Amino acid sequence: MQRFLSGLGLFAIGALLIFLGLYQSHIWQIIGIVFLALGGLFAIYGYVGLFANRLYHIFNRTKP
C-alpha cells in the first residue's frame, strides 16, 4: 500500500510540474514527465502487489 501511495504522490507532483511548465519554462514539463513516469511505475508495482496479496488470500482460505 505504501508503494502505491508514494507512486500516486509522485504522479500528482509530476502532473503539477507539467501544469507549472505551461506558465514557466518548458524544463518544468520535462521534469514533470519524468516524475509522472516514475510515479506511474511505482503505482503499478504497488497495485500489482496489492492484487497479488488479495489473490493469495482468496486461494488460501481455510475451510471450516
C-alpha atoms as a PDB file:
ATOM      1  CA  MET A   1       0.000   0.000   0.000  1.00  0.00           C
ATOM      2  CA  GLN A   2       2.883   2.330   0.806  1.00  0.00           C
ATOM      3  CA  ARG A   3       4.438   1.863  -2.664  1.00  0.00           C
ATOM      4  CA  PHE A   4       1.102   2.547  -4.321  1.00  0.00           C
ATOM      5  CA  LEU A   5       0.532   5.740  -2.343  1.00  0.00           C
ATOM      6  CA  SER A   6       4.077   7.005  -2.905  1.00  0.00           C
ATOM      7  CA  GLY A   7       3.666   6.343  -6.623  1.00  0.00           C
ATOM      8  CA  LEU A   8       0.375   8.188  -6.599  1.00  0.00           C
ATOM      9  CA  GLY A   9       2.062  11.115  -4.864  1.00  0.00           C
ATOM     10  CA  LEU A  10       4.885  11.204  -7.420  1.00  0.00           C
ATOM     11  CA  PHE A  11       2.305  11.056 -10.192  1.00  0.00           C
ATOM     12  CA  ALA A  12       0.475  14.047  -8.713  1.00  0.00           C
ATOM     13  CA  ILE A  13       3.723  16.012  -8.351  1.00  0.00           C
ATOM     14  CA  GLY A  14       4.534  15.248 -11.983  1.00  0.00           C
ATOM     15  CA  ALA A  15       1.124  16.486 -13.094  1.00  0.00           C
ATOM     16  CA  LEU A  16       1.616  19.705 -11.126  1.00  0.00           C
ATOM     17  CA  LEU A  17       5.056  20.226 -12.653  1.00  0.00           C
ATOM     18  CA  ILE A  18       3.645  19.764 -16.151  1.00  0.00           C
ATOM     19  CA  PHE A  19       0.937  22.303 -15.355  1.00  0.00           C
ATOM     20  CA  LEU A  20       3.583  24.675 -13.971  1.00  0.00           C
ATOM     21  CA  GLY A  21       5.517  24.302 -17.228  1.00  0.00           C
ATOM     22  CA  LEU A  22       2.637  25.890 -19.119  1.00  0.00           C
ATOM     23  CA  TYR A  23       3.343  29.196 -17.410  1.00  0.00           C
ATOM     24  CA  GLN A  24       7.069  28.921 -16.709  1.00  0.00           C
ATOM     25  CA  SER A  25       9.979  27.299 -18.512  1.00  0.00           C
ATOM     26  CA  HIS A  26       9.484  24.129 -20.548  1.00  0.00           C
ATOM     27  CA  ILE A  27      12.124  22.426 -18.354  1.00  0.00           C
ATOM     28  CA  TRP A  28       9.437  22.003 -15.673  1.00  0.00           C
ATOM     29  CA  GLN A  29       7.390  19.973 -18.138  1.00  0.00           C
ATOM     30  CA  ILE A  30      10.307  17.652 -18.882  1.00  0.00           C
ATOM     31  CA  ILE A  31      10.946  17.145 -15.171  1.00  0.00           C
ATOM     32  CA  GLY A  32       7.212  16.606 -14.697  1.00  0.00           C
ATOM     33  CA  ILE A  33       7.156  13.883 -17.350  1.00  0.00           C
ATOM     34  CA  VAL A  34       9.988  12.091 -15.545  1.00  0.00           C
ATOM     35  CA  PHE A  35       8.114  12.309 -12.235  1.00  0.00           C
ATOM     36  CA  LEU A  36       4.926  11.185 -13.972  1.00  0.00           C
ATOM     37  CA  ALA A  37       6.645   8.114 -15.427  1.00  0.00           C
ATOM     38  CA  LEU A  38       8.337   7.162 -12.148  1.00  0.00           C
ATOM     39  CA  GLY A  39       5.130   7.690 -10.210  1.00  0.00           C
ATOM     40  CA  GLY A  40       3.194   5.560 -12.668  1.00  0.00           C
ATOM     41  CA  LEU A  41       5.729   2.744 -12.385  1.00  0.00           C
ATOM     42  CA  PHE A  42       5.699   2.841  -8.574  1.00  0.00           C
ATOM     43  CA  ALA A  43       1.898   2.932  -8.507  1.00  0.00           C
ATOM     44  CA  ILE A  44       1.629  -0.012 -10.903  1.00  0.00           C
ATOM     45  CA  TYR A  45       4.174  -2.007  -8.887  1.00  0.00           C
ATOM     46  CA  GLY A  46       2.319  -1.266  -5.659  1.00  0.00           C
ATOM     47  CA  TYR A  47      -1.059  -2.105  -7.172  1.00  0.00           C
ATOM     48  CA  VAL A  48       0.221  -5.436  -8.511  1.00  0.00           C
ATOM     49  CA  GLY A  49       1.466  -6.205  -5.001  1.00  0.00           C
ATOM     50  CA  LEU A  50      -1.935  -5.378  -3.514  1.00  0.00           C
ATOM     51  CA  PHE A  51      -3.673  -7.523  -6.115  1.00  0.00           C
ATOM     52  CA  ALA A  52      -1.302 -10.457  -5.547  1.00  0.00           C
ATOM     53  CA  ASN A  53      -1.857 -10.285  -1.785  1.00  0.00           C
ATOM     54  CA  ARG A  54      -5.634 -10.323  -2.153  1.00  0.00           C
ATOM     55  CA  LEU A  55      -5.495 -13.137  -4.699  1.00  0.00           C
ATOM     56  CA  TYR A  56      -3.265 -15.139  -2.339  1.00  0.00           C
ATOM     57  CA  HIS A  57      -5.793 -14.756   0.470  1.00  0.00           C
ATOM     58  CA  ILE A  58      -8.662 -15.788  -1.804  1.00  0.00           C
ATOM     59  CA  PHE A  59      -6.951 -19.027  -2.843  1.00  0.00           C
ATOM     60  CA  ASN A  60      -5.670 -19.916   0.621  1.00  0.00           C
ATOM     61  CA  ARG A  61      -8.852 -19.673   2.655  1.00  0.00           C
ATOM     62  CA  THR A  62      -9.266 -22.248   5.374  1.00  0.00           C
ATOM     63  CA  LYS A  63     -12.337 -24.410   5.088  1.00  0.00           C
ATOM     64  CA  PRO A  64     -14.475 -24.542   8.253  1.00  0.00           C
END
